C-alpha atoms as a PDB file:
ATOM      1  CA  UNK A   1       0.000   0.000   0.000  1.00  0.00           C
ATOM      2  CA  UNK A   2       1.591   3.334  -1.018  1.00  0.00           C
ATOM      3  CA  UNK A   3       2.255   6.016   1.594  1.00  0.00           C
ATOM      4  CA  UNK A   4      -0.034   9.005   1.770  1.00  0.00           C
ATOM      5  CA  UNK A   5       1.259  12.495   1.109  1.00  0.00           C
ATOM      6  CA  UNK A   6       1.167  13.315   4.806  1.00  0.00           C
ATOM      7  CA  UNK A   7       3.160  10.163   5.678  1.00  0.00           C
ATOM      8  CA  UNK A   8       5.758  11.008   3.027  1.00  0.00           C
ATOM      9  CA  UNK A   9       6.127  14.492   4.538  1.00  0.00           C
ATOM     10  CA  UNK A  10       6.598  13.042   8.021  1.00  0.00           C
ATOM     11  CA  UNK A  11       9.136  10.578   6.661  1.00  0.00           C
ATOM     12  CA  UNK A  12      11.075  13.347   4.933  1.00  0.00           C
ATOM     13  CA  UNK A  13      11.124  15.360   8.138  1.00  0.00           C
ATOM     14  CA  UNK A  14      12.367  12.336  10.083  1.00  0.00           C
ATOM     15  CA  UNK A  15      15.242  11.897   7.654  1.00  0.00           C
ATOM     16  CA  UNK A  16      16.479  15.371   8.617  1.00  0.00           C
ATOM     17  CA  UNK A  17      16.543  14.622  12.383  1.00  0.00           C
ATOM     18  CA  UNK A  18      19.393  13.131  14.403  1.00  0.00           C
ATOM     19  CA  UNK A  19      17.704   9.802  15.248  1.00  0.00           C
ATOM     20  CA  UNK A  20      19.827   6.712  14.720  1.00  0.00           C
ATOM     21  CA  UNK A  21      17.553   5.188  12.080  1.00  0.00           C
ATOM     22  CA  UNK A  22      18.013   2.026  10.052  1.00  0.00           C
ATOM     23  CA  UNK A  23      18.564   2.797   6.343  1.00  0.00           C
ATOM     24  CA  UNK A  24      15.602   3.923   4.265  1.00  0.00           C
ATOM     25  CA  UNK A  25      15.722   0.577   2.491  1.00  0.00           C
ATOM     26  CA  UNK A  26      14.493  -0.998   5.738  1.00  0.00           C
ATOM     27  CA  UNK A  27      10.929  -0.017   4.802  1.00  0.00           C
ATOM     28  CA  UNK A  28       9.080  -3.351   4.932  1.00  0.00           C
ATOM     29  CA  UNK A  29       7.116  -4.700   1.983  1.00  0.00           C
ATOM     30  CA  UNK A  30       3.449  -3.783   2.014  1.00  0.00           C
ATOM     31  CA  UNK A  31       1.288  -6.133   4.053  1.00  0.00           C
ATOM     32  CA  UNK A  32       4.013  -7.423   6.417  1.00  0.00           C
ATOM     33  CA  UNK A  33       4.417  -4.563   8.897  1.00  0.00           C
ATOM     34  CA  UNK A  34       2.334  -1.432   9.268  1.00  0.00           C
ATOM     35  CA  UNK A  35       3.908   1.887   8.412  1.00  0.00           C
ATOM     36  CA  UNK A  36       3.507   3.163  11.993  1.00  0.00           C
ATOM     37  CA  UNK A  37       5.144   0.111  13.550  1.00  0.00           C
ATOM     38  CA  UNK A  38       8.015   0.454  11.101  1.00  0.00           C
ATOM     39  CA  UNK A  39       8.309   4.184  11.834  1.00  0.00           C
ATOM     40  CA  UNK A  40       8.390   3.514  15.578  1.00  0.00           C
ATOM     41  CA  UNK A  41      11.117   0.917  15.055  1.00  0.00           C
ATOM     42  CA  UNK A  42      13.124   3.478  13.074  1.00  0.00           C
ATOM     43  CA  UNK A  43      12.893   5.851  16.002  1.00  0.00           C
ATOM     44  CA  UNK A  44      14.585   3.215  18.156  1.00  0.00           C
ATOM     45  CA  UNK A  45      11.694   2.801  20.577  1.00  0.00           C
ATOM     46  CA  UNK A  46      10.885  -0.867  20.149  1.00  0.00           C
ATOM     47  CA  UNK A  47      11.812  -3.329  22.934  1.00  0.00           C
ATOM     48  CA  UNK A  48      14.259  -5.222  20.687  1.00  0.00           C
ATOM     49  CA  UNK A  49      16.410  -2.091  20.434  1.00  0.00           C
ATOM     50  CA  UNK A  50      19.389  -2.501  22.851  1.00  0.00           C
ATOM     51  CA  UNK A  51      19.195   1.214  23.709  1.00  0.00           C
ATOM     52  CA  UNK A  52      15.841   0.622  25.392  1.00  0.00           C
ATOM     53  CA  UNK A  53      16.335  -2.529  27.458  1.00  0.00           C
ATOM     54  CA  UNK A  54      13.961  -1.312  30.146  1.00  0.00           C
ATOM     55  CA  UNK A  55      10.993  -1.580  27.768  1.00  0.00           C
ATOM     56  CA  UNK A  56      11.356  -5.366  27.681  1.00  0.00           C
ATOM     57  CA  UNK A  57      11.054  -5.703  31.473  1.00  0.00           C
ATOM     58  CA  UNK A  58       8.171  -7.156  33.424  1.00  0.00           C
ATOM     59  CA  UNK A  59       7.509  -6.504  37.122  1.00  0.00           C
ATOM     60  CA  UNK A  60       5.879  -9.075  39.392  1.00  0.00           C
ATOM     61  CA  UNK A  61       5.454  -9.788  43.084  1.00  0.00           C
ATOM     62  CA  UNK A  62       8.110 -12.175  44.391  1.00  0.00           C
ATOM     63  CA  UNK A  63       8.692 -14.012  47.689  1.00  0.00           C
ATOM     64  CA  UNK A  64      10.842 -12.113  50.172  1.00  0.00           C
ATOM     65  CA  UNK A  65      13.290 -15.035  50.050  1.00  0.00           C
ATOM     66  CA  UNK A  66      13.893 -14.332  46.357  1.00  0.00           C
ATOM     67  CA  UNK A  67      15.001 -10.770  47.143  1.00  0.00           C
ATOM     68  CA  UNK A  68      17.451 -11.870  49.841  1.00  0.00           C
ATOM     69  CA  UNK A  69      20.499 -12.467  47.557  1.00  0.00           C
ATOM     70  CA  UNK A  70      20.176  -8.965  46.105  1.00  0.00           C
ATOM     71  CA  UNK A  71      19.921  -7.364  49.555  1.00  0.00           C
ATOM     72  CA  UNK A  72      22.800  -9.299  51.123  1.00  0.00           C
ATOM     73  CA  UNK A  73      25.191  -9.442  48.161  1.00  0.00           C
ATOM     74  CA  UNK A  74      24.543  -6.291  46.137  1.00  0.00           C
ATOM     75  CA  UNK A  75      22.820  -3.644  48.270  1.00  0.00           C
ATOM     76  CA  UNK A  76      25.264  -1.367  50.104  1.00  0.00           C
ATOM     77  CA  UNK A  77      23.599  -2.026  53.503  1.00  0.00           C
ATOM     78  CA  UNK A  78      24.418  -5.775  53.250  1.00  0.00           C
ATOM     79  CA  UNK A  79      21.650  -6.731  55.697  1.00  0.00           C
ATOM     80  CA  UNK A  80      18.018  -7.795  55.636  1.00  0.00           C
ATOM     81  CA  UNK A  81      15.110  -5.571  56.590  1.00  0.00           C
ATOM     82  CA  UNK A  82      11.437  -6.116  57.504  1.00  0.00           C
ATOM     83  CA  UNK A  83       9.645  -7.070  54.273  1.00  0.00           C
ATOM     84  CA  UNK A  84       5.880  -7.025  53.817  1.00  0.00           C
ATOM     85  CA  UNK A  85       5.888  -6.825  50.007  1.00  0.00           C
ATOM     86  CA  UNK A  86       8.630  -7.601  47.498  1.00  0.00           C
ATOM     87  CA  UNK A  87       8.677  -7.063  43.741  1.00  0.00           C
ATOM     88  CA  UNK A  88      11.145  -8.054  41.050  1.00  0.00           C
ATOM     89  CA  UNK A  89      12.041  -6.746  37.599  1.00  0.00           C
ATOM     90  CA  UNK A  90      12.510  -9.520  35.056  1.00  0.00           C
ATOM     91  CA  UNK A  91      14.156  -9.558  31.668  1.00  0.00           C
ATOM     92  CA  UNK A  92      12.883 -12.823  30.330  1.00  0.00           C
ATOM     93  CA  UNK A  93      13.687 -15.301  33.104  1.00  0.00           C
ATOM     94  CA  UNK A  94      16.511 -13.209  34.597  1.00  0.00           C
ATOM     95  CA  UNK A  95      15.824 -11.234  37.753  1.00  0.00           C
ATOM     96  CA  UNK A  96      17.589  -7.883  37.285  1.00  0.00           C
ATOM     97  CA  UNK A  97      16.280  -5.872  40.234  1.00  0.00           C
ATOM     98  CA  UNK A  98      14.226  -5.947  43.426  1.00  0.00           C
ATOM     99  CA  UNK A  99      12.322  -3.441  45.538  1.00  0.00           C
ATOM    100  CA  UNK A 100      10.906  -4.166  49.000  1.00  0.00           C
ATOM    101  CA  UNK A 101       8.378  -2.495  51.269  1.00  0.00           C
ATOM    102  CA  UNK A 102       7.870  -3.018  54.988  1.00  0.00           C
ATOM    103  CA  UNK A 103       6.131  -1.534  58.008  1.00  0.00           C
ATOM    104  CA  UNK A 104       8.460   0.920  59.796  1.00  0.00           C
ATOM    105  CA  UNK A 105       9.382  -0.293  63.271  1.00  0.00           C
ATOM    106  CA  UNK A 106       9.146   3.210  64.721  1.00  0.00           C
ATOM    107  CA  UNK A 107       5.628   4.147  65.862  1.00  0.00           C
ATOM    108  CA  UNK A 108       6.491   7.881  65.942  1.00  0.00           C
ATOM    109  CA  UNK A 109       7.640   7.619  62.314  1.00  0.00           C
ATOM    110  CA  UNK A 110       4.365   5.992  61.236  1.00  0.00           C
ATOM    111  CA  UNK A 111       2.157   8.535  62.992  1.00  0.00           C
ATOM    112  CA  UNK A 112       4.453  11.414  62.061  1.00  0.00           C
ATOM    113  CA  UNK A 113       3.745  11.152  58.315  1.00  0.00           C
ATOM    114  CA  UNK A 114      -0.035  11.695  58.183  1.00  0.00           C
ATOM    115  CA  UNK A 115      -1.138  11.400  61.801  1.00  0.00           C
ATOM    116  CA  UNK A 116      -2.554   8.493  63.828  1.00  0.00           C
ATOM    117  CA  UNK A 117      -5.446   8.020  61.403  1.00  0.00           C
ATOM    118  CA  UNK A 118      -3.091   6.791  58.668  1.00  0.00           C
ATOM    119  CA  UNK A 119      -0.375   5.246  60.857  1.00  0.00           C
ATOM    120  CA  UNK A 120      -1.455   1.660  60.108  1.00  0.00           C
ATOM    121  CA  UNK A 121      -1.327   2.381  56.366  1.00  0.00           C
ATOM    122  CA  UNK A 122       2.294   3.560  56.301  1.00  0.00           C
ATOM    123  CA  UNK A 123       4.828   1.460  54.401  1.00  0.00           C
ATOM    124  CA  UNK A 124       8.513   2.177  53.926  1.00  0.00           C
ATOM    125  CA  UNK A 125      10.279   1.530  50.646  1.00  0.00           C
ATOM    126  CA  UNK A 126      13.277   0.145  52.491  1.00  0.00           C
ATOM    127  CA  UNK A 127      15.378  -1.483  49.755  1.00  0.00           C
ATOM    128  CA  UNK A 128      15.918  -0.886  46.041  1.00  0.00           C
ATOM    129  CA  UNK A 129      18.628  -2.703  44.135  1.00  0.00           C
ATOM    130  CA  UNK A 130      18.829  -3.228  40.382  1.00  0.00           C
ATOM    131  CA  UNK A 131      21.167  -3.157  37.428  1.00  0.00           C
ATOM    132  CA  UNK A 132      22.478   0.243  36.292  1.00  0.00           C
ATOM    133  CA  UNK A 133      20.514   0.300  33.033  1.00  0.00           C
ATOM    134  CA  UNK A 134      18.635   3.573  32.369  1.00  0.00           C
ATOM    135  CA  UNK A 135      15.003   3.615  33.499  1.00  0.00           C
ATOM    136  CA  UNK A 136      15.057   0.183  35.178  1.00  0.00           C
ATOM    137  CA  UNK A 137      14.881   1.564  38.728  1.00  0.00           C
ATOM    138  CA  UNK A 138      12.115   4.072  38.024  1.00  0.00           C
ATOM    139  CA  UNK A 139      10.129   1.476  36.063  1.00  0.00           C
ATOM    140  CA  UNK A 140      10.455  -1.036  38.903  1.00  0.00           C
ATOM    141  CA  UNK A 141       9.413   1.474  41.575  1.00  0.00           C
ATOM    142  CA  UNK A 142       6.588   2.955  39.507  1.00  0.00           C
ATOM    143  CA  UNK A 143       4.994  -0.387  38.655  1.00  0.00           C
ATOM    144  CA  UNK A 144       5.434  -1.829  42.149  1.00  0.00           C
ATOM    145  CA  UNK A 145       3.645   1.160  43.696  1.00  0.00           C
ATOM    146  CA  UNK A 146       0.565   0.317  41.640  1.00  0.00           C
ATOM    147  CA  UNK A 147       0.594  -3.244  43.069  1.00  0.00           C
ATOM    148  CA  UNK A 148       0.535  -2.175  46.732  1.00  0.00           C
ATOM    149  CA  UNK A 149      -2.660  -2.337  48.819  1.00  0.00           C
ATOM    150  CA  UNK A 150      -4.883   0.703  48.444  1.00  0.00           C
ATOM    151  CA  UNK A 151      -4.870   3.030  50.223  1.00  0.00           C
ATOM    152  CA  UNK A 152      -1.259   3.164  51.447  1.00  0.00           C
ATOM    153  CA  UNK A 153       1.186   5.869  52.444  1.00  0.00           C
ATOM    154  CA  UNK A 154       4.705   5.099  51.224  1.00  0.00           C
ATOM    155  CA  UNK A 155       7.737   6.816  52.725  1.00  0.00           C
ATOM    156  CA  UNK A 156      11.313   6.377  51.564  1.00  0.00           C
ATOM    157  CA  UNK A 157      14.679   7.884  52.402  1.00  0.00           C
ATOM    158  CA  UNK A 158      17.730   8.758  50.312  1.00  0.00           C
ATOM    159  CA  UNK A 159      20.862   8.522  52.458  1.00  0.00           C
ATOM    160  CA  UNK A 160      23.107  11.561  52.089  1.00  0.00           C
ATOM    161  CA  UNK A 161      26.014   9.590  53.590  1.00  0.00           C
ATOM    162  CA  UNK A 162      25.862   7.300  50.542  1.00  0.00           C
ATOM    163  CA  UNK A 163      25.771  10.247  48.141  1.00  0.00           C
ATOM    164  CA  UNK A 164      22.100   9.665  47.302  1.00  0.00           C
ATOM    165  CA  UNK A 165      19.737  12.481  46.314  1.00  0.00           C
ATOM    166  CA  UNK A 166      16.603  10.521  45.456  1.00  0.00           C
ATOM    167  CA  UNK A 167      16.316  11.060  41.709  1.00  0.00           C
ATOM    168  CA  UNK A 168      14.439   7.748  41.364  1.00  0.00           C
ATOM    169  CA  UNK A 169      11.717   9.053  43.689  1.00  0.00           C
ATOM    170  CA  UNK A 170      11.604  12.337  41.831  1.00  0.00           C
ATOM    171  CA  UNK A 171      11.143  10.461  38.550  1.00  0.00           C
ATOM    172  CA  UNK A 172       8.207   8.520  40.016  1.00  0.00           C
ATOM    173  CA  UNK A 173       6.415  11.611  41.409  1.00  0.00           C
ATOM    174  CA  UNK A 174       7.117  11.204  45.119  1.00  0.00           C
ATOM    175  CA  UNK A 175       6.619  14.334  47.203  1.00  0.00           C
ATOM    176  CA  UNK A 176       9.780  15.698  48.816  1.00  0.00           C
ATOM    177  CA  UNK A 177       9.363  16.743  52.460  1.00  0.00           C
ATOM    178  CA  UNK A 178      12.894  17.725  53.485  1.00  0.00           C
ATOM    179  CA  UNK A 179      15.667  16.134  55.522  1.00  0.00           C
ATOM    180  CA  UNK A 180      15.173  13.813  58.458  1.00  0.00           C
ATOM    181  CA  UNK A 181      15.855  15.130  61.957  1.00  0.00           C
ATOM    182  CA  UNK A 182      19.326  15.055  63.496  1.00  0.00           C
ATOM    183  CA  UNK A 183      19.815  11.907  65.593  1.00  0.00           C
ATOM    184  CA  UNK A 184      22.579   9.871  67.216  1.00  0.00           C
ATOM    185  CA  UNK A 185      23.094   6.095  67.144  1.00  0.00           C
ATOM    186  CA  UNK A 186      24.509   3.854  69.838  1.00  0.00           C
ATOM    187  CA  UNK A 187      27.724   2.156  68.719  1.00  0.00           C
ATOM    188  CA  UNK A 188      30.144  -0.413  70.155  1.00  0.00           C
ATOM    189  CA  UNK A 189      33.768  -0.529  69.043  1.00  0.00           C
ATOM    190  CA  UNK A 190      34.446  -3.599  66.961  1.00  0.00           C
ATOM    191  CA  UNK A 191      30.743  -4.012  66.162  1.00  0.00           C
ATOM    192  CA  UNK A 192      30.190  -0.957  63.996  1.00  0.00           C
ATOM    193  CA  UNK A 193      28.370  -3.057  61.385  1.00  0.00           C
ATOM    194  CA  UNK A 194      25.387  -3.371  63.733  1.00  0.00           C
ATOM    195  CA  UNK A 195      22.527  -0.918  63.306  1.00  0.00           C
ATOM    196  CA  UNK A 196      21.999   1.500  66.191  1.00  0.00           C
ATOM    197  CA  UNK A 197      18.568   0.008  66.890  1.00  0.00           C
ATOM    198  CA  UNK A 198      20.127  -3.460  67.174  1.00  0.00           C
ATOM    199  CA  UNK A 199      22.638  -2.201  69.736  1.00  0.00           C
ATOM    200  CA  UNK A 200      19.906  -0.396  71.692  1.00  0.00           C
ATOM    201  CA  UNK A 201      17.762  -3.547  71.824  1.00  0.00           C
ATOM    202  CA  UNK A 202      20.401  -5.164  74.005  1.00  0.00           C
ATOM    203  CA  UNK A 203      19.431  -2.915  76.910  1.00  0.00           C
ATOM    204  CA  UNK A 204      15.684  -3.196  76.405  1.00  0.00           C
ATOM    205  CA  UNK A 205      13.835  -3.408  79.735  1.00  0.00           C
ATOM    206  CA  UNK A 206      16.632  -1.791  81.772  1.00  0.00           C
ATOM    207  CA  UNK A 207      15.753   1.207  83.922  1.00  0.00           C
ATOM    208  CA  UNK A 208      18.648   3.385  82.724  1.00  0.00           C
ATOM    209  CA  UNK A 209      19.578   1.888  79.385  1.00  0.00           C
ATOM    210  CA  UNK A 210      22.481   4.210  78.501  1.00  0.00           C
ATOM    211  CA  UNK A 211      24.071   3.801  81.927  1.00  0.00           C
ATOM    212  CA  UNK A 212      23.671   0.032  81.718  1.00  0.00           C
ATOM    213  CA  UNK A 213      25.452  -0.010  78.342  1.00  0.00           C
ATOM    214  CA  UNK A 214      28.323   2.101  79.694  1.00  0.00           C
ATOM    215  CA  UNK A 215      28.762  -0.245  82.650  1.00  0.00           C
ATOM    216  CA  UNK A 216      28.829  -3.285  80.379  1.00  0.00           C
ATOM    217  CA  UNK A 217      31.079  -1.969  77.579  1.00  0.00           C
ATOM    218  CA  UNK A 218      32.969   0.901  79.210  1.00  0.00           C
ATOM    219  CA  UNK A 219      34.791   3.124  76.714  1.00  0.00           C
ATOM    220  CA  UNK A 220      33.831   0.824  73.839  1.00  0.00           C
ATOM    221  CA  UNK A 221      30.305   2.232  74.009  1.00  0.00           C
ATOM    222  CA  UNK A 222      29.903   5.598  72.278  1.00  0.00           C
ATOM    223  CA  UNK A 223      27.423   7.788  70.398  1.00  0.00           C
ATOM    224  CA  UNK A 224      27.710   8.541  66.692  1.00  0.00           C
ATOM    225  CA  UNK A 225      25.781  11.196  64.780  1.00  0.00           C
ATOM    226  CA  UNK A 226      23.437   9.631  62.232  1.00  0.00           C
ATOM    227  CA  UNK A 227      23.578  10.934  58.666  1.00  0.00           C
ATOM    228  CA  UNK A 228      20.526  12.915  57.616  1.00  0.00           C
ATOM    229  CA  UNK A 229      18.337  11.519  54.846  1.00  0.00           C
ATOM    230  CA  UNK A 230      16.119  13.037  52.176  1.00  0.00           C
ATOM    231  CA  UNK A 231      12.525  12.053  52.958  1.00  0.00           C
ATOM    232  CA  UNK A 232      10.031  11.290  50.165  1.00  0.00           C
ATOM    233  CA  UNK A 233       6.316  10.435  50.470  1.00  0.00           C
ATOM    234  CA  UNK A 234       3.916   8.843  47.962  1.00  0.00           C
ATOM    235  CA  UNK A 235       0.155   8.309  48.282  1.00  0.00           C
ATOM    236  CA  UNK A 236      -1.233   5.069  46.825  1.00  0.00           C
ATOM    237  CA  UNK A 237      -4.939   4.763  46.074  1.00  0.00           C
ATOM    238  CA  UNK A 238      -7.816   6.380  44.285  1.00  0.00           C
ATOM    239  CA  UNK A 239      -7.914  10.089  43.509  1.00  0.00           C
ATOM    240  CA  UNK A 240     -10.001  10.621  46.642  1.00  0.00           C
ATOM    241  CA  UNK A 241      -7.577   8.605  48.773  1.00  0.00           C
ATOM    242  CA  UNK A 242      -4.598  10.579  47.502  1.00  0.00           C
ATOM    243  CA  UNK A 243      -6.302  13.894  48.162  1.00  0.00           C
ATOM    244  CA  UNK A 244      -7.199  12.850  51.716  1.00  0.00           C
ATOM    245  CA  UNK A 245      -3.683  11.593  52.427  1.00  0.00           C
ATOM    246  CA  UNK A 246      -2.108  14.783  51.128  1.00  0.00           C
ATOM    247  CA  UNK A 247      -4.433  16.903  53.263  1.00  0.00           C
ATOM    248  CA  UNK A 248      -3.247  14.980  56.350  1.00  0.00           C
ATOM    249  CA  UNK A 249       0.475  15.213  55.503  1.00  0.00           C
ATOM    250  CA  UNK A 250       2.377  16.589  58.504  1.00  0.00           C
ATOM    251  CA  UNK A 251       5.355  17.848  56.517  1.00  0.00           C
ATOM    252  CA  UNK A 252       5.426  20.773  54.071  1.00  0.00           C
ATOM    253  CA  UNK A 253       6.059  19.927  50.442  1.00  0.00           C
ATOM    254  CA  UNK A 254       9.410  21.257  49.237  1.00  0.00           C
ATOM    255  CA  UNK A 255      11.273  21.630  45.956  1.00  0.00           C
ATOM    256  CA  UNK A 256      13.250  18.586  44.841  1.00  0.00           C
ATOM    257  CA  UNK A 257      16.920  18.638  45.922  1.00  0.00           C
ATOM    258  CA  UNK A 258      19.627  18.482  43.273  1.00  0.00           C
ATOM    259  CA  UNK A 259      23.245  17.386  43.240  1.00  0.00           C
ATOM    260  CA  UNK A 260      25.525  14.607  42.099  1.00  0.00           C
ATOM    261  CA  UNK A 261      24.162  11.163  42.875  1.00  0.00           C
ATOM    262  CA  UNK A 262      26.735   8.473  43.634  1.00  0.00           C
ATOM    263  CA  UNK A 263      26.336   4.974  42.236  1.00  0.00           C
ATOM    264  CA  UNK A 264      27.895   1.844  43.653  1.00  0.00           C
ATOM    265  CA  UNK A 265      28.980  -1.347  41.944  1.00  0.00           C
ATOM    266  CA  UNK A 266      26.547  -4.277  41.956  1.00  0.00           C
ATOM    267  CA  UNK A 267      28.766  -6.869  40.332  1.00  0.00           C
ATOM    268  CA  UNK A 268      28.474  -9.431  43.132  1.00  0.00           C
ATOM    269  CA  UNK A 269      27.091 -12.696  41.706  1.00  0.00           C
ATOM    270  CA  UNK A 270      23.614 -13.819  42.708  1.00  0.00           C
ATOM    271  CA  UNK A 271      23.923 -17.399  43.927  1.00  0.00           C
ATOM    272  CA  UNK A 272      20.252 -18.273  44.290  1.00  0.00           C
ATOM    273  CA  UNK A 273      17.433 -17.531  41.930  1.00  0.00           C
ATOM    274  CA  UNK A 274      14.662 -20.082  42.138  1.00  0.00           C
ATOM    275  CA  UNK A 275      11.375 -18.620  41.006  1.00  0.00           C
ATOM    276  CA  UNK A 276       9.963 -16.806  38.050  1.00  0.00           C
ATOM    277  CA  UNK A 277       6.446 -15.703  38.926  1.00  0.00           C
ATOM    278  CA  UNK A 278       3.921 -14.736  36.285  1.00  0.00           C
ATOM    279  CA  UNK A 279       1.246 -12.296  37.344  1.00  0.00           C
END
């Protein structure tokens, strides 16, 4: 079927642009591929184009156990976290990224986002780890948010100590609410890998917990200032749910922060990968 005059004009205009097109001779014979599919392929937007690997991804719910190798071997924290929901990004049968959500352990944190009314709906995006291919992280986060229970209030933090700004959250329309408050963590010399909350749990139930720790560990017990984190919030649900959640938000909405975002290597091999779940 011959091209219309309008299609020929669009084709001529495309030839003058800087897109990395296949040669003009790649125009398929009539009846095999539609003109618009061919034109889209020429623009380099089809999934089989290596420049757009993220378009061939699928995102599904996965067992928390399936996310464990990514969190322990590739994520910079190198430790597990409370997981209520886990999602994976798949390229074919290869798992290339995971994101996990869990209920924050801190009651003041849960009620501090949108008040006591929404405290039981608060989830924290507590781990995100994927390959460094453009758009994979934002695609994984964006699709996983739509799979969470509705309504939900999602909070996530970008650690300034790791050189993170939170561009993934900005790309997926999270609301930025500023930096977390200044805090200190309890530390023990020789056991710096332990989280401050883990160290504090050791003295749970004691009348004077700090004094008890000093008596037990002496000079090995000390306080360390915790790095401040960029805090992002996202409302999951219907239009009415989102409006209600935003009206209850306890933090003012601020302009997105900018700066250089540091990446870390994720070359550690994944030793277990057992399930490919189809939604």
